[in-house]
Amino acid sequence: MAPEVVNRRGHTVAADWWSLGVLMYEMLTGDLPFHGSNRRETMSMILRAKLTMPQSLSVEAQQLLRALFKRNPANRLGCSNDDVKQIKSHPFFDTINWEKLYQREVQPPFKPLCTPSNQTRCFDSEFTKKHHM
């Protein structure tokens, strides 16, 4: 949740770029960037806490995340007239050929083997044991 959403002062597409930062942070680290013991504490952290960056992340990843986590939406990466072009041209994405990606010409680096016995192994049993409606 972007700071401007927490503050309930209205928001723009800038909040989506913050959310991209949250998603990327979680995918790269396995943790949330701001996580309190309850909702109120988490919201307070979003508004005030210093962003900690694991040193295991590449310099480019750290730079991208810091740019997406600017608390002032006007200063956030992706919030200028060039919006998504700014993000796509960030050094973190240097190895991405966006045109080939759009054309579905990029081979995935890993393709999981799905068999009936492992299709749900990455999901919590809370969700896999429910009966279908």
N, C-alpha and C. Protein backbone atom coordinates (compact mmCIF):
# COMPACT_ATOMS: atom_id res chain seq x y z
N MET A 1 0.84 -1.16 0.00
CA MET A 1 0.00 0.00 0.00
C MET A 1 0.90 1.24 0.00
N ALA A 2 0.76 2.07 -1.01
CA ALA A 2 1.58 3.26 -1.14
C ALA A 2 1.25 4.27 -0.04
N PRO A 3 2.21 5.13 0.32
CA PRO A 3 1.96 6.12 1.37
C PRO A 3 0.73 6.99 1.09
N GLU A 4 0.54 7.36 -0.16
CA GLU A 4 -0.61 8.22 -0.48
C GLU A 4 -1.93 7.47 -0.30
N VAL A 5 -1.91 6.16 -0.41
CA VAL A 5 -3.11 5.35 -0.15
C VAL A 5 -3.33 5.26 1.36
N VAL A 6 -2.25 5.04 2.11
CA VAL A 6 -2.34 5.00 3.57
C VAL A 6 -2.91 6.31 4.10
N ASN A 7 -2.45 7.43 3.54
CA ASN A 7 -2.90 8.76 3.98
C ASN A 7 -4.30 9.12 3.50
N ARG A 8 -4.85 8.34 2.59
CA ARG A 8 -6.19 8.59 2.04
C ARG A 8 -6.32 9.98 1.45
N ARG A 9 -5.30 10.39 0.73
CA ARG A 9 -5.33 11.72 0.11
C ARG A 9 -5.53 11.64 -1.39
N GLY A 10 -5.98 10.51 -1.85
CA GLY A 10 -6.12 10.31 -3.29
C GLY A 10 -4.82 9.78 -3.86
N HIS A 11 -4.94 9.04 -4.94
CA HIS A 11 -3.73 8.48 -5.53
C HIS A 11 -3.88 8.36 -7.03
N THR A 12 -2.76 8.18 -7.68
CA THR A 12 -2.70 8.06 -9.13
C THR A 12 -2.01 6.75 -9.48
N VAL A 13 -1.59 6.62 -10.71
CA VAL A 13 -0.85 5.44 -11.15
C VAL A 13 0.46 5.28 -10.37
N ALA A 14 0.91 6.35 -9.73
CA ALA A 14 2.14 6.28 -8.92
C ALA A 14 2.02 5.20 -7.84
N ALA A 15 0.82 4.99 -7.32
CA ALA A 15 0.61 3.95 -6.30
C ALA A 15 0.87 2.56 -6.88
N ASP A 16 0.61 2.40 -8.16
CA ASP A 16 0.87 1.11 -8.82
C ASP A 16 2.37 0.85 -8.92
N TRP A 17 3.16 1.90 -9.15
CA TRP A 17 4.61 1.72 -9.23
C TRP A 17 5.17 1.37 -7.86
N TRP A 18 4.60 1.94 -6.80
CA TRP A 18 4.99 1.54 -5.44
C TRP A 18 4.68 0.05 -5.25
N SER A 19 3.49 -0.37 -5.69
CA SER A 19 3.09 -1.77 -5.56
C SER A 19 4.02 -2.69 -6.34
N LEU A 20 4.48 -2.24 -7.50
CA LEU A 20 5.47 -3.02 -8.25
C LEU A 20 6.73 -3.19 -7.40
N GLY A 21 7.13 -2.14 -6.71
CA GLY A 21 8.28 -2.21 -5.82
C GLY A 21 8.07 -3.24 -4.71
N VAL A 22 6.89 -3.25 -4.13
CA VAL A 22 6.58 -4.23 -3.07
C VAL A 22 6.67 -5.64 -3.62
N LEU A 23 6.07 -5.86 -4.77
CA LEU A 23 6.09 -7.19 -5.39
C LEU A 23 7.52 -7.62 -5.71
N MET A 24 8.31 -6.73 -6.29
CA MET A 24 9.69 -7.07 -6.64
C MET A 24 10.52 -7.32 -5.39
N TYR A 25 10.34 -6.49 -4.36
CA TYR A 25 11.08 -6.67 -3.11
C TYR A 25 10.79 -8.06 -2.53
N GLU A 26 9.51 -8.41 -2.51
CA GLU A 26 9.13 -9.71 -1.95
C GLU A 26 9.67 -10.87 -2.80
N MET A 27 9.64 -10.71 -4.12
CA MET A 27 10.16 -11.77 -4.99
C MET A 27 11.68 -11.92 -4.86
N LEU A 28 12.37 -10.80 -4.68
CA LEU A 28 13.83 -10.83 -4.61
C LEU A 28 14.36 -11.23 -3.24
N THR A 29 13.59 -10.96 -2.18
CA THR A 29 14.10 -11.19 -0.83
C THR A 29 13.32 -12.25 -0.05
N GLY A 30 12.07 -12.48 -0.43
CA GLY A 30 11.23 -13.39 0.34
C GLY A 30 10.57 -12.72 1.52
N ASP A 31 10.78 -11.42 1.67
CA ASP A 31 10.20 -10.64 2.78
C ASP A 31 9.44 -9.44 2.24
N LEU A 32 8.63 -8.85 3.11
CA LEU A 32 7.97 -7.60 2.76
C LEU A 32 8.88 -6.43 3.12
N PRO A 33 8.80 -5.34 2.38
CA PRO A 33 9.66 -4.20 2.69
C PRO A 33 9.28 -3.51 4.01
N PHE A 34 8.01 -3.51 4.33
CA PHE A 34 7.52 -2.89 5.56
C PHE A 34 6.52 -3.86 6.17
N HIS A 35 6.84 -4.37 7.36
CA HIS A 35 5.96 -5.37 7.97
C HIS A 35 5.96 -5.17 9.48
N GLY A 36 4.85 -4.66 9.99
CA GLY A 36 4.71 -4.47 11.42
C GLY A 36 3.98 -5.64 12.05
N SER A 37 3.81 -5.58 13.36
CA SER A 37 3.13 -6.67 14.07
C SER A 37 1.62 -6.60 13.89
N ASN A 38 1.12 -5.47 13.40
CA ASN A 38 -0.30 -5.34 13.10
C ASN A 38 -0.47 -4.31 11.97
N ARG A 39 -1.69 -4.15 11.53
CA ARG A 39 -1.97 -3.26 10.39
C ARG A 39 -1.53 -1.83 10.66
N ARG A 40 -1.83 -1.33 11.85
CA ARG A 40 -1.49 0.06 12.19
C ARG A 40 0.02 0.27 12.15
N GLU A 41 0.76 -0.66 12.72
CA GLU A 41 2.23 -0.55 12.73
C GLU A 41 2.80 -0.63 11.31
N THR A 42 2.23 -1.51 10.50
CA THR A 42 2.69 -1.63 9.12
C THR A 42 2.46 -0.32 8.37
N MET A 43 1.30 0.28 8.55
CA MET A 43 1.00 1.56 7.89
C MET A 43 1.95 2.65 8.36
N SER A 44 2.24 2.65 9.64
CA SER A 44 3.18 3.63 10.18
C SER A 44 4.56 3.44 9.56
N MET A 45 4.97 2.19 9.40
CA MET A 45 6.27 1.90 8.80
C MET A 45 6.31 2.36 7.34
N ILE A 46 5.22 2.15 6.61
CA ILE A 46 5.15 2.60 5.22
C ILE A 46 5.39 4.11 5.15
N LEU A 47 4.84 4.83 6.11
CA LEU A 47 4.95 6.29 6.10
C LEU A 47 6.29 6.81 6.61
N ARG A 48 6.95 6.07 7.54
CA ARG A 48 8.11 6.65 8.22
C ARG A 48 9.38 5.81 8.26
N ALA A 49 9.26 4.50 8.23
CA ALA A 49 10.42 3.64 8.46
C ALA A 49 11.43 3.71 7.32
N LYS A 50 12.68 3.56 7.70
CA LYS A 50 13.75 3.51 6.70
C LYS A 50 13.68 2.17 6.00
N LEU A 51 13.81 2.19 4.68
CA LEU A 51 13.81 0.96 3.90
C LEU A 51 15.14 0.26 4.07
N THR A 52 15.09 -0.98 4.53
CA THR A 52 16.33 -1.76 4.65
C THR A 52 16.48 -2.61 3.40
N MET A 53 17.69 -2.66 2.92
CA MET A 53 17.96 -3.36 1.67
C MET A 53 19.00 -4.44 1.93
N PRO A 54 18.65 -5.71 1.73
CA PRO A 54 19.64 -6.77 1.92
C PRO A 54 20.83 -6.56 0.98
N GLN A 55 22.03 -6.74 1.50
CA GLN A 55 23.23 -6.56 0.68
C GLN A 55 23.37 -7.64 -0.37
N SER A 56 22.57 -8.70 -0.26
CA SER A 56 22.62 -9.76 -1.26
C SER A 56 22.01 -9.32 -2.59
N LEU A 57 21.24 -8.23 -2.57
CA LEU A 57 20.66 -7.72 -3.80
C LEU A 57 21.71 -6.98 -4.62
N SER A 58 21.60 -7.08 -5.92
CA SER A 58 22.53 -6.35 -6.79
C SER A 58 22.34 -4.85 -6.61
N VAL A 59 23.35 -4.10 -6.97
CA VAL A 59 23.28 -2.64 -6.89
C VAL A 59 22.11 -2.14 -7.73
N GLU A 60 21.93 -2.73 -8.91
CA GLU A 60 20.84 -2.32 -9.79
C GLU A 60 19.48 -2.58 -9.16
N ALA A 61 19.33 -3.73 -8.51
CA ALA A 61 18.06 -4.05 -7.85
C ALA A 61 17.80 -3.07 -6.72
N GLN A 62 18.82 -2.77 -5.93
CA GLN A 62 18.66 -1.82 -4.83
C GLN A 62 18.27 -0.44 -5.36
N GLN A 63 18.93 0.00 -6.42
CA GLN A 63 18.62 1.31 -6.99
C GLN A 63 17.19 1.36 -7.51
N LEU A 64 16.77 0.31 -8.19
CA LEU A 64 15.41 0.27 -8.73
C LEU A 64 14.39 0.31 -7.60
N LEU A 65 14.59 -0.51 -6.58
CA LEU A 65 13.65 -0.54 -5.47
C LEU A 65 13.59 0.80 -4.75
N ARG A 66 14.73 1.41 -4.51
CA ARG A 66 14.73 2.72 -3.84
C ARG A 66 13.98 3.75 -4.68
N ALA A 67 14.11 3.68 -6.00
CA ALA A 67 13.42 4.62 -6.88
C ALA A 67 11.91 4.37 -6.90
N LEU A 68 11.50 3.13 -6.74
CA LEU A 68 10.07 2.80 -6.70
C LEU A 68 9.45 3.11 -5.34
N PHE A 69 10.29 3.15 -4.29
CA PHE A 69 9.79 3.40 -2.94
C PHE A 69 9.96 4.85 -2.49
N LYS A 70 10.01 5.78 -3.42
CA LYS A 70 10.02 7.20 -3.04
C LYS A 70 8.66 7.52 -2.43
N ARG A 71 8.67 8.09 -1.24
CA ARG A 71 7.40 8.37 -0.57
C ARG A 71 6.61 9.48 -1.24
N ASN A 72 7.31 10.41 -1.87
CA ASN A 72 6.62 11.45 -2.62
C ASN A 72 6.35 10.91 -4.02
N PRO A 73 5.08 10.72 -4.38
CA PRO A 73 4.76 10.13 -5.68
C PRO A 73 5.37 10.88 -6.86
N ALA A 74 5.52 12.18 -6.75
CA ALA A 74 6.09 12.97 -7.84
C ALA A 74 7.54 12.60 -8.11
N ASN A 75 8.23 12.07 -7.10
CA ASN A 75 9.64 11.70 -7.24
C ASN A 75 9.84 10.22 -7.56
N ARG A 76 8.78 9.46 -7.59
CA ARG A 76 8.85 8.02 -7.77
C ARG A 76 9.13 7.67 -9.23
N LEU A 77 9.98 6.67 -9.43
CA LEU A 77 10.29 6.21 -10.78
C LEU A 77 9.00 5.77 -11.46
N GLY A 78 8.82 6.19 -12.70
CA GLY A 78 7.62 5.85 -13.45
C GLY A 78 6.55 6.92 -13.40
N CYS A 79 6.82 8.01 -12.67
CA CYS A 79 5.79 9.02 -12.48
C CYS A 79 6.04 10.30 -13.29
N SER A 80 6.90 10.21 -14.27
CA SER A 80 7.12 11.37 -15.14
C SER A 80 6.33 11.14 -16.43
N ASN A 81 6.53 12.01 -17.39
CA ASN A 81 5.85 11.85 -18.68
C ASN A 81 6.27 10.57 -19.40
N ASP A 82 7.47 10.07 -19.08
CA ASP A 82 7.96 8.86 -19.73
C ASP A 82 7.49 7.58 -19.03
N ASP A 83 6.79 7.71 -17.96
CA ASP A 83 6.32 6.64 -17.06
C ASP A 83 7.00 5.29 -17.25
N VAL A 84 6.36 4.35 -17.90
CA VAL A 84 6.90 2.99 -17.95
C VAL A 84 8.24 2.92 -18.69
N LYS A 85 8.49 3.84 -19.60
CA LYS A 85 9.78 3.85 -20.31
C LYS A 85 10.93 4.03 -19.33
N GLN A 86 10.72 4.85 -18.30
CA GLN A 86 11.74 5.04 -17.26
C GLN A 86 12.07 3.73 -16.58
N ILE A 87 11.06 2.98 -16.26
CA ILE A 87 11.26 1.73 -15.54
C ILE A 87 11.91 0.69 -16.46
N LYS A 88 11.41 0.56 -17.68
CA LYS A 88 11.97 -0.42 -18.61
C LYS A 88 13.42 -0.13 -18.97
N SER A 89 13.81 1.13 -18.92
CA SER A 89 15.19 1.48 -19.28
C SER A 89 16.13 1.46 -18.07
N HIS A 90 15.63 1.12 -16.90
CA HIS A 90 16.49 1.05 -15.72
C HIS A 90 17.52 -0.06 -15.90
N PRO A 91 18.76 0.15 -15.44
CA PRO A 91 19.82 -0.87 -15.59
C PRO A 91 19.45 -2.26 -15.07
N PHE A 92 18.54 -2.35 -14.11
CA PHE A 92 18.12 -3.66 -13.61
C PHE A 92 17.57 -4.53 -14.75
N PHE A 93 16.94 -3.88 -15.73
CA PHE A 93 16.31 -4.60 -16.83
C PHE A 93 17.16 -4.63 -18.10
N ASP A 94 18.44 -4.31 -18.00
CA ASP A 94 19.30 -4.25 -19.19
C ASP A 94 19.30 -5.52 -20.02
N THR A 95 19.12 -6.66 -19.40
CA THR A 95 19.18 -7.91 -20.15
C THR A 95 17.85 -8.29 -20.80
N ILE A 96 16.83 -7.49 -20.57
CA ILE A 96 15.51 -7.78 -21.12
C ILE A 96 15.37 -7.17 -22.51
N ASN A 97 15.03 -7.98 -23.47
CA ASN A 97 14.68 -7.49 -24.81
C ASN A 97 13.16 -7.38 -24.80
N TRP A 98 12.66 -6.18 -24.57
CA TRP A 98 11.22 -5.98 -24.37
C TRP A 98 10.41 -6.38 -25.60
N GLU A 99 10.93 -6.09 -26.79
CA GLU A 99 10.19 -6.44 -28.01
C GLU A 99 10.03 -7.96 -28.12
N LYS A 100 11.12 -8.70 -27.88
CA LYS A 100 11.03 -10.16 -27.94
C LYS A 100 10.10 -10.69 -26.85
N LEU A 101 10.14 -10.05 -25.69
CA LEU A 101 9.25 -10.46 -24.60
C LEU A 101 7.79 -10.28 -25.02
N TYR A 102 7.47 -9.12 -25.60
CA TYR A 102 6.10 -8.87 -26.05
C TYR A 102 5.66 -9.86 -27.13
N GLN A 103 6.61 -10.27 -27.97
CA GLN A 103 6.30 -11.21 -29.05
C GLN A 103 6.33 -12.66 -28.58
N ARG A 104 6.60 -12.87 -27.30
CA ARG A 104 6.69 -14.21 -26.69
C ARG A 104 7.79 -15.05 -27.33
N GLU A 105 8.89 -14.38 -27.64
CA GLU A 105 10.04 -15.04 -28.26
C GLU A 105 11.16 -15.32 -27.26
N VAL A 106 10.94 -15.01 -26.00
CA VAL A 106 11.96 -15.21 -24.97
C VAL A 106 11.75 -16.58 -24.33
N GLN A 107 12.80 -17.37 -24.29
CA GLN A 107 12.73 -18.68 -23.65
C GLN A 107 12.88 -18.50 -22.14
N PRO A 108 12.00 -19.10 -21.36
CA PRO A 108 12.14 -18.98 -19.90
C PRO A 108 13.40 -19.70 -19.43
N PRO A 109 14.07 -19.14 -18.43
CA PRO A 109 15.29 -19.78 -17.92
C PRO A 109 14.99 -21.09 -17.18
N PHE A 110 13.75 -21.25 -16.75
CA PHE A 110 13.36 -22.43 -15.99
C PHE A 110 11.90 -22.74 -16.32
N LYS A 111 11.64 -23.96 -16.64
CA LYS A 111 10.27 -24.37 -16.93
C LYS A 111 9.94 -25.53 -16.00
N PRO A 112 9.07 -25.32 -15.01
CA PRO A 112 8.78 -26.38 -14.05
C PRO A 112 8.08 -27.56 -14.70
N LEU A 113 8.40 -28.72 -14.21
CA LEU A 113 7.75 -29.94 -14.67
C LEU A 113 6.54 -30.19 -13.78
N CYS A 114 5.37 -30.12 -14.35
CA CYS A 114 4.15 -30.32 -13.57
C CYS A 114 3.61 -31.72 -13.83
N THR A 115 3.45 -32.44 -12.76
CA THR A 115 2.84 -33.76 -12.81
C THR A 115 1.69 -33.76 -11.81
N PRO A 116 0.77 -34.68 -11.93
CA PRO A 116 -0.35 -34.69 -10.98
C PRO A 116 0.10 -34.72 -9.51
N SER A 117 1.24 -35.31 -9.24
CA SER A 117 1.69 -35.43 -7.85
C SER A 117 2.32 -34.15 -7.31
N ASN A 118 2.74 -33.22 -8.17
CA ASN A 118 3.40 -32.02 -7.65
C ASN A 118 2.71 -30.71 -8.04
N GLN A 119 1.54 -30.77 -8.63
CA GLN A 119 0.88 -29.56 -9.10
C GLN A 119 0.54 -28.59 -7.99
N THR A 120 0.32 -29.09 -6.79
CA THR A 120 -0.10 -28.20 -5.71
C THR A 120 0.90 -28.15 -4.56
N ARG A 121 2.09 -28.67 -4.75
CA ARG A 121 3.05 -28.76 -3.64
C ARG A 121 3.51 -27.39 -3.13
N CYS A 122 3.40 -26.35 -3.93
CA CYS A 122 3.83 -25.01 -3.50
C CYS A 122 2.69 -24.23 -2.85
N PHE A 123 1.54 -24.84 -2.71
CA PHE A 123 0.40 -24.17 -2.10
C PHE A 123 0.15 -24.74 -0.72
N ASP A 124 -0.23 -23.89 0.20
CA ASP A 124 -0.54 -24.31 1.56
C ASP A 124 -1.72 -25.27 1.54
N SER A 125 -1.65 -26.29 2.38
CA SER A 125 -2.72 -27.29 2.43
C SER A 125 -4.06 -26.66 2.83
N GLU A 126 -4.01 -25.50 3.45
CA GLU A 126 -5.24 -24.79 3.79
C GLU A 126 -6.08 -24.56 2.53
N PHE A 127 -5.41 -24.37 1.41
CA PHE A 127 -6.11 -24.08 0.16
C PHE A 127 -6.31 -25.31 -0.71
N THR A 128 -5.45 -26.29 -0.59
CA THR A 128 -5.56 -27.47 -1.46
C THR A 128 -6.51 -28.52 -0.93
N LYS A 129 -6.86 -28.46 0.34
CA LYS A 129 -7.76 -29.46 0.92
C LYS A 129 -9.23 -29.01 0.89
N LYS A 130 -9.49 -27.81 0.40
CA LYS A 130 -10.87 -27.33 0.33
C LYS A 130 -11.61 -28.07 -0.77
N HIS A 131 -12.89 -28.27 -0.55
CA HIS A 131 -13.72 -28.93 -1.55
C HIS A 131 -14.12 -27.93 -2.62
N HIS A 132 -14.18 -28.40 -3.84
CA HIS A 132 -14.61 -27.55 -4.95
C HIS A 132 -16.10 -27.31 -4.86
N MET A 133 -16.52 -26.16 -5.29
CA MET A 133 -17.96 -25.84 -5.26
C MET A 133 -18.61 -26.23 -6.56
